[in-house]
C-alpha atoms as a PDB file:
ATOM      1  CA  MET A   1      46.590  38.003 -60.376  1.00  0.00           C
ATOM      2  CA  ALA A   2      49.738  35.898 -60.799  1.00  0.00           C
ATOM      3  CA  LEU A   3      53.063  36.922 -59.313  1.00  0.00           C
ATOM      4  CA  GLN A   4      54.933  39.223 -61.692  1.00  0.00           C
ATOM      5  CA  PHE A   5      58.503  40.531 -61.732  1.00  0.00           C
ATOM      6  CA  ILE A   6      59.269  43.993 -63.093  1.00  0.00           C
ATOM      7  CA  LEU A   7      62.912  44.081 -64.142  1.00  0.00           C
ATOM      8  CA  GLY A   8      65.135  46.949 -65.149  1.00  0.00           C
ATOM      9  CA  GLY A   9      68.035  49.099 -64.067  1.00  0.00           C
ATOM     10  CA  ALA A  10      67.921  52.114 -61.762  1.00  0.00           C
ATOM     11  CA  GLY A  11      66.010  54.994 -63.336  1.00  0.00           C
ATOM     12  CA  SER A  12      64.307  52.798 -65.965  1.00  0.00           C
ATOM     13  CA  GLY A  13      60.806  53.716 -64.756  1.00  0.00           C
ATOM     14  CA  LYS A  14      59.857  50.533 -62.858  1.00  0.00           C
ATOM     15  CA  THR A  15      58.430  52.417 -59.879  1.00  0.00           C
ATOM     16  CA  ARG A  16      56.418  54.855 -62.005  1.00  0.00           C
ATOM     17  CA  MET A  17      54.982  51.991 -64.061  1.00  0.00           C
ATOM     18  CA  LEU A  18      53.894  50.230 -60.876  1.00  0.00           C
ATOM     19  CA  TYR A  19      52.289  53.392 -59.457  1.00  0.00           C
ATOM     20  CA  ASP A  20      50.395  54.029 -62.717  1.00  0.00           C
ATOM     21  CA  ARG A  21      49.130  50.452 -62.794  1.00  0.00           C
ATOM     22  CA  VAL A  22      47.944  50.509 -59.164  1.00  0.00           C
ATOM     23  CA  ILE A  23      46.158  53.822 -59.739  1.00  0.00           C
ATOM     24  CA  LYS A  24      44.483  52.538 -62.935  1.00  0.00           C
ATOM     25  CA  GLU A  25      43.266  49.310 -61.316  1.00  0.00           C
ATOM     26  CA  SER A  26      42.101  51.052 -58.153  1.00  0.00           C
ATOM     27  CA  MET A  27      39.926  53.357 -60.246  1.00  0.00           C
ATOM     28  CA  GLU A  28      38.545  50.487 -62.333  1.00  0.00           C
ATOM     29  CA  HIS A  29      37.757  48.439 -59.197  1.00  0.00           C
ATOM     30  CA  PRO A  30      36.851  50.892 -56.403  1.00  0.00           C
ATOM     31  CA  GLU A  31      35.417  48.044 -54.313  1.00  0.00           C
ATOM     32  CA  GLN A  32      38.849  46.406 -54.063  1.00  0.00           C
ATOM     33  CA  LYS A  33      41.589  47.285 -51.558  1.00  0.00           C
ATOM     34  CA  TYR A  34      45.142  47.698 -52.882  1.00  0.00           C
ATOM     35  CA  LEU A  35      48.357  47.537 -50.846  1.00  0.00           C
ATOM     36  CA  VAL A  36      51.673  49.106 -51.829  1.00  0.00           C
ATOM     37  CA  VAL A  37      54.449  47.770 -49.594  1.00  0.00           C
ATOM     38  CA  VAL A  38      57.646  49.847 -49.391  1.00  0.00           C
ATOM     39  CA  PRO A  39      60.575  50.278 -46.961  1.00  0.00           C
ATOM     40  CA  GLU A  40      59.607  52.120 -43.767  1.00  0.00           C
ATOM     41  CA  GLN A  41      61.420  55.347 -44.654  1.00  0.00           C
ATOM     42  CA  PHE A  42      59.593  55.675 -47.988  1.00  0.00           C
ATOM     43  CA  THR A  43      55.958  55.287 -46.848  1.00  0.00           C
ATOM     44  CA  MET A  44      55.220  59.027 -46.665  1.00  0.00           C
ATOM     45  CA  GLN A  45      57.144  59.790 -49.873  1.00  0.00           C
ATOM     46  CA  THR A  46      55.291  57.033 -51.757  1.00  0.00           C
ATOM     47  CA  GLN A  47      51.921  58.211 -50.460  1.00  0.00           C
ATOM     48  CA  LYS A  48      52.601  61.783 -51.622  1.00  0.00           C
ATOM     49  CA  GLU A  49      53.772  60.586 -55.039  1.00  0.00           C
ATOM     50  CA  ILE A  50      50.730  58.378 -55.662  1.00  0.00           C
ATOM     51  CA  ILE A  51      48.380  61.164 -54.553  1.00  0.00           C
ATOM     52  CA  ARG A  52      50.170  63.534 -56.937  1.00  0.00           C
ATOM     53  CA  LEU A  53      49.813  61.097 -59.847  1.00  0.00           C
ATOM     54  CA  HIS A  54      46.198  60.119 -59.120  1.00  0.00           C
ATOM     55  CA  PRO A  55      43.695  61.971 -61.368  1.00  0.00           C
ATOM     56  CA  ARG A  56      41.451  62.553 -58.328  1.00  0.00           C
ATOM     57  CA  HIS A  57      44.400  63.343 -56.048  1.00  0.00           C
ATOM     58  CA  GLY A  58      43.122  60.857 -53.494  1.00  0.00           C
ATOM     59  CA  ILE A  59      43.784  57.215 -52.633  1.00  0.00           C
ATOM     60  CA  MET A  60      40.665  55.975 -50.842  1.00  0.00           C
ATOM     61  CA  ASN A  61      41.262  52.301 -51.687  1.00  0.00           C
ATOM     62  CA  ILE A  62      45.088  52.275 -51.776  1.00  0.00           C
ATOM     63  CA  ASP A  63      47.119  51.722 -48.596  1.00  0.00           C
ATOM     64  CA  ILE A  64      50.861  52.383 -48.445  1.00  0.00           C
ATOM     65  CA  LEU A  65      52.498  50.198 -45.799  1.00  0.00           C
ATOM     66  CA  SER A  66      55.955  49.167 -44.689  1.00  0.00           C
ATOM     67  CA  PHE A  67      56.685  45.473 -44.087  1.00  0.00           C
ATOM     68  CA  LYS A  68      56.569  46.114 -40.330  1.00  0.00           C
ATOM     69  CA  ARG A  69      53.213  47.919 -40.473  1.00  0.00           C
ATOM     70  CA  LEU A  70      51.816  45.180 -42.680  1.00  0.00           C
ATOM     71  CA  ALA A  71      52.931  42.578 -40.135  1.00  0.00           C
ATOM     72  CA  TYR A  72      51.312  44.522 -37.282  1.00  0.00           C
ATOM     73  CA  ARG A  73      48.074  44.791 -39.265  1.00  0.00           C
ATOM     74  CA  VAL A  74      48.059  41.023 -39.841  1.00  0.00           C
ATOM     75  CA  PHE A  75      48.716  40.379 -36.126  1.00  0.00           C
ATOM     76  CA  GLU A  76      45.915  42.773 -35.193  1.00  0.00           C
ATOM     77  CA  ASP A  77      43.447  41.203 -37.647  1.00  0.00           C
ATOM     78  CA  LEU A  78      44.279  37.745 -36.290  1.00  0.00           C
ATOM     79  CA  GLY A  79      43.881  38.948 -32.705  1.00  0.00           C
ATOM     80  CA  VAL A  80      47.308  37.731 -31.654  1.00  0.00           C
ATOM     81  CA  ARG A  81      49.758  39.366 -29.263  1.00  0.00           C
ATOM     82  CA  ILE A  82      52.312  41.399 -31.212  1.00  0.00           C
ATOM     83  CA  PRO A  83      55.761  39.893 -30.593  1.00  0.00           C
ATOM     84  CA  VAL A  84      59.020  41.811 -30.575  1.00  0.00           C
ATOM     85  CA  VAL A  85      61.001  40.455 -33.511  1.00  0.00           C
ATOM     86  CA  LEU A  86      64.679  41.165 -34.146  1.00  0.00           C
ATOM     87  CA  ASP A  87      65.807  41.341 -37.745  1.00  0.00           C
ATOM     88  CA  ASP A  88      69.055  39.677 -38.827  1.00  0.00           C
ATOM     89  CA  MET A  89      71.055  42.815 -38.124  1.00  0.00           C
ATOM     90  CA  GLY A  90      69.623  43.062 -34.602  1.00  0.00           C
ATOM     91  CA  LYS A  91      70.376  39.396 -33.901  1.00  0.00           C
ATOM     92  CA  SER A  92      73.944  39.816 -35.108  1.00  0.00           C
ATOM     93  CA  MET A  93      74.432  42.859 -32.873  1.00  0.00           C
ATOM     94  CA  VAL A  94      73.160  41.002 -29.778  1.00  0.00           C
ATOM     95  CA  LEU A  95      75.342  37.949 -30.480  1.00  0.00           C
ATOM     96  CA  ARG A  96      78.441  40.090 -30.968  1.00  0.00           C
ATOM     97  CA  LYS A  97      77.909  41.897 -27.672  1.00  0.00           C
ATOM     98  CA  VAL A  98      77.339  38.627 -25.804  1.00  0.00           C
ATOM     99  CA  ALA A  99      80.467  37.079 -27.350  1.00  0.00           C
ATOM    100  CA  ALA A 100      82.585  40.127 -26.469  1.00  0.00           C
ATOM    101  CA  VAL A 101      81.371  40.140 -22.854  1.00  0.00           C
ATOM    102  CA  LEU A 102      82.042  36.405 -22.517  1.00  0.00           C
ATOM    103  CA  ARG A 103      85.600  36.874 -23.792  1.00  0.00           C
ATOM    104  CA  ARG A 104      86.240  39.647 -21.292  1.00  0.00           C
ATOM    105  CA  VAL A 105      84.715  37.745 -18.379  1.00  0.00           C
ATOM    106  CA  GLY A 106      86.734  34.672 -19.330  1.00  0.00           C
ATOM    107  CA  GLY A 107      89.917  36.687 -19.196  1.00  0.00           C
ATOM    108  CA  GLY A 108      90.994  35.657 -22.678  1.00  0.00           C
ATOM    109  CA  ILE A 109      93.290  38.010 -24.518  1.00  0.00           C
ATOM    110  CA  GLY A 110      91.858  37.290 -27.955  1.00  0.00           C
ATOM    111  CA  VAL A 111      92.511  39.328 -31.083  1.00  0.00           C
ATOM    112  CA  SER A 112      91.498  42.959 -31.163  1.00  0.00           C
ATOM    113  CA  HIS A 113      89.084  43.791 -33.969  1.00  0.00           C
ATOM    114  CA  VAL A 114      89.031  47.529 -33.259  1.00  0.00           C
ATOM    115  CA  ILE A 115      89.140  49.628 -36.438  1.00  0.00           C
ATOM    116  CA  ARG A 116      90.712  53.102 -36.397  1.00  0.00           C
ATOM    117  CA  TYR A 117      90.407  55.749 -39.095  1.00  0.00           C
ATOM    118  CA  ARG A 118      91.421  59.326 -38.448  1.00  0.00           C
ATOM    119  CA  GLY A 119      89.402  60.355 -35.373  1.00  0.00           C
ATOM    120  CA  LEU A 120      87.073  57.360 -35.579  1.00  0.00           C
ATOM    121  CA  THR A 121      87.292  54.184 -33.513  1.00  0.00           C
ATOM    122  CA  LEU A 122      84.977  51.230 -34.162  1.00  0.00           C
ATOM    123  CA  ASP A 123      84.698  48.139 -31.999  1.00  0.00           C
ATOM    124  CA  PRO A 124      82.714  45.584 -34.071  1.00  0.00           C
ATOM    125  CA  ASP A 125      82.530  43.105 -31.170  1.00  0.00           C
ATOM    126  CA  MET A 126      80.740  45.597 -28.922  1.00  0.00           C
ATOM    127  CA  MET A 127      79.061  47.484 -31.793  1.00  0.00           C
ATOM    128  CA  GLU A 128      80.460  50.723 -30.378  1.00  0.00           C
ATOM    129  CA  ALA A 129      81.664  53.740 -32.332  1.00  0.00           C
ATOM    130  CA  ARG A 130      83.567  56.783 -31.075  1.00  0.00           C
ATOM    131  CA  LEU A 131      84.602  60.017 -32.726  1.00  0.00           C
ATOM    132  CA  GLU A 132      87.484  61.784 -30.970  1.00  0.00           C
ATOM    133  CA  GLY A 133      86.590  59.727 -27.882  1.00  0.00           C
ATOM    134  CA  ARG A 134      82.923  60.763 -28.006  1.00  0.00           C
ATOM    135  CA  PRO A 135      80.357  57.898 -28.259  1.00  0.00           C
ATOM    136  CA  LEU A 136      78.277  57.869 -31.429  1.00  0.00           C
ATOM    137  CA  GLU A 137      74.656  56.725 -31.380  1.00  0.00           C
ATOM    138  CA  LEU A 138      74.440  54.732 -34.593  1.00  0.00           C
ATOM    139  CA  THR A 139      71.842  52.286 -35.821  1.00  0.00           C
ATOM    140  CA  ALA A 140      73.066  48.788 -36.702  1.00  0.00           C
ATOM    141  CA  ARG A 141      73.051  49.527 -40.433  1.00  0.00           C
ATOM    142  CA  GLU A 142      74.741  52.908 -39.999  1.00  0.00           C
ATOM    143  CA  PHE A 143      77.453  51.127 -37.998  1.00  0.00           C
ATOM    144  CA  GLU A 144      77.924  48.474 -40.704  1.00  0.00           C
ATOM    145  CA  LEU A 145      78.063  51.117 -43.445  1.00  0.00           C
ATOM    146  CA  LEU A 146      80.725  53.046 -41.569  1.00  0.00           C
ATOM    147  CA  ARG A 147      82.620  49.829 -40.877  1.00  0.00           C
ATOM    148  CA  ALA A 148      82.627  48.924 -44.565  1.00  0.00           C
ATOM    149  CA  PHE A 149      83.988  52.320 -45.598  1.00  0.00           C
ATOM    150  CA  ILE A 150      86.759  52.736 -43.028  1.00  0.00           C
ATOM    151  CA  SER A 151      87.862  49.100 -43.282  1.00  0.00           C
ATOM    152  CA  SER A 152      88.774  49.763 -46.930  1.00  0.00           C
ATOM    153  CA  PRO A 153      89.735  53.441 -47.321  1.00  0.00           C
ATOM    154  CA  GLY A 154      89.791  54.499 -50.949  1.00  0.00           C
ATOM    155  CA  ARG A 155      87.577  51.658 -52.158  1.00  0.00           C
ATOM    156  CA  VAL A 156      84.452  52.830 -53.944  1.00  0.00           C
ATOM    157  CA  PHE A 157      81.251  51.001 -52.977  1.00  0.00           C
ATOM    158  CA  THR A 158      78.301  51.125 -55.363  1.00  0.00           C
ATOM    159  CA  ARG A 159      74.770  51.220 -53.980  1.00  0.00           C
ATOM    160  CA  GLU A 160      74.211  47.692 -55.270  1.00  0.00           C
ATOM    161  CA  VAL A 161      77.243  46.371 -53.395  1.00  0.00           C
ATOM    162  CA  LEU A 162      76.218  48.139 -50.187  1.00  0.00           C
ATOM    163  CA  LEU A 163      72.661  46.809 -50.445  1.00  0.00           C
ATOM    164  CA  ALA A 164      73.933  43.240 -50.846  1.00  0.00           C
ATOM    165  CA  LYS A 165      76.537  43.633 -48.088  1.00  0.00           C
ATOM    166  CA  ILE A 166      74.424  45.426 -45.455  1.00  0.00           C
ATOM    167  CA  TRP A 167      70.768  44.717 -46.313  1.00  0.00           C
ATOM    168  CA  GLY A 168      71.252  41.285 -47.890  1.00  0.00           C
ATOM    169  CA  TYR A 169      70.563  39.865 -51.339  1.00  0.00           C
ATOM    170  CA  ASP A 170      66.892  39.306 -50.494  1.00  0.00           C
ATOM    171  CA  PHE A 171      66.262  43.011 -49.797  1.00  0.00           C
ATOM    172  CA  PHE A 172      63.173  44.276 -51.627  1.00  0.00           C
ATOM    173  CA  GLY A 173      63.066  48.015 -51.892  1.00  0.00           C
ATOM    174  CA  ASP A 174      64.491  51.169 -53.419  1.00  0.00           C
ATOM    175  CA  GLU A 175      68.278  51.470 -53.597  1.00  0.00           C
ATOM    176  CA  ARG A 176      67.892  55.085 -52.434  1.00  0.00           C
ATOM    177  CA  VAL A 177      67.638  53.662 -48.908  1.00  0.00           C
ATOM    178  CA  VAL A 178      71.451  53.680 -49.040  1.00  0.00           C
ATOM    179  CA  ASP A 179      71.480  57.434 -49.714  1.00  0.00           C
ATOM    180  CA  SER A 180      69.169  58.185 -46.786  1.00  0.00           C
ATOM    181  CA  HIS A 181      71.275  56.099 -44.375  1.00  0.00           C
ATOM    182  CA  ILE A 182      74.491  57.787 -45.511  1.00  0.00           C
ATOM    183  CA  LYS A 183      72.853  61.195 -45.141  1.00  0.00           C
ATOM    184  CA  ASN A 184      71.941  60.336 -41.534  1.00  0.00           C
ATOM    185  CA  LEU A 185      75.420  58.931 -40.907  1.00  0.00           C
ATOM    186  CA  ARG A 186      77.078  62.100 -42.184  1.00  0.00           C
ATOM    187  CA  ARG A 187      74.833  64.199 -39.955  1.00  0.00           C
ATOM    188  CA  LYS A 188      75.752  62.174 -36.869  1.00  0.00           C
ATOM    189  CA  LEU A 189      79.471  62.271 -37.655  1.00  0.00           C
ATOM    190  CA  GLY A 190      79.452  66.017 -38.189  1.00  0.00           C
ATOM    191  CA  VAL A 191      82.580  65.484 -40.295  1.00  0.00           C
ATOM    192  CA  ASP A 192      82.314  64.319 -43.885  1.00  0.00           C
ATOM    193  CA  TYR A 193      84.404  61.150 -43.769  1.00  0.00           C
ATOM    194  CA  ILE A 194      82.304  59.648 -46.558  1.00  0.00           C
ATOM    195  CA  GLU A 195      82.917  60.963 -50.055  1.00  0.00           C
ATOM    196  CA  THR A 196      80.463  60.771 -52.944  1.00  0.00           C
ATOM    197  CA  VAL A 197      81.950  59.477 -56.186  1.00  0.00           C
ATOM    198  CA  ARG A 198      79.513  60.962 -58.669  1.00  0.00           C
ATOM    199  CA  GLY A 199      77.760  58.396 -60.826  1.00  0.00           C
ATOM    200  CA  VAL A 200      79.420  55.481 -59.016  1.00  0.00           C
ATOM    201  CA  GLY A 201      78.908  55.343 -55.245  1.00  0.00           C
ATOM    202  CA  TYR A 202      80.632  56.217 -51.966  1.00  0.00           C
ATOM    203  CA  ARG A 203      84.011  55.793 -50.273  1.00  0.00           C
ATOM    204  CA  ALA A 204      86.151  56.825 -47.340  1.00  0.00           C
ATOM    205  CA  ALA A 205      89.149  58.830 -48.522  1.00  0.00           C
ATOM    206  CA  LYS A 206      92.399  56.890 -48.551  1.00  0.00           C
ATOM    207  CA  GLU A 207      94.657  57.989 -45.725  1.00  0.00           C
ATOM    208  CA  ASN A 208      98.044  59.500 -46.527  1.00  0.00           C
ATOM    209  CA  PRO A 209     100.929  57.104 -45.798  1.00  0.00           C
END
């Protein structure tokens, strides 16, 4: 089968069309193995949805994998040692920490990049976040989301803008990944610094002058 692109806006039914097609072909060709590759956090959700849609409520010849699990399966099939691979966000975080430490060891004054918003303090060089002086355990993408919001209080970010800014233009996956990350971020903050602008996106409230 040739490479195909399924285009359309959010909510246009692209995902459902793909699920229906995979189910149909898997039933017509039970001897074939089909792979559905989705972002890590959607593997279980996708599996449940395809099982629900399948007339037999089973997916014997359909595997739902994340990119990471697919890579591990390929490594295992090839019999090679599984390497530890940093994604672009992980590489950026390591380089920032190294650069910050080198500046401090060198005794240079440098320019402070610390961002403050209400009770939050973010140090992008060290990838450290604090709320009322308490350290926050954030993932790299949670940190970058929070940084985007509090660097521009009042600005509304759409999901599409956040995906391009944080995940990159080559991200392949569901835009709802933004919602799940913001949900986790809100839970860790314990204070709702991030507002939902219904039908548009998210923002940090503009501070009073």
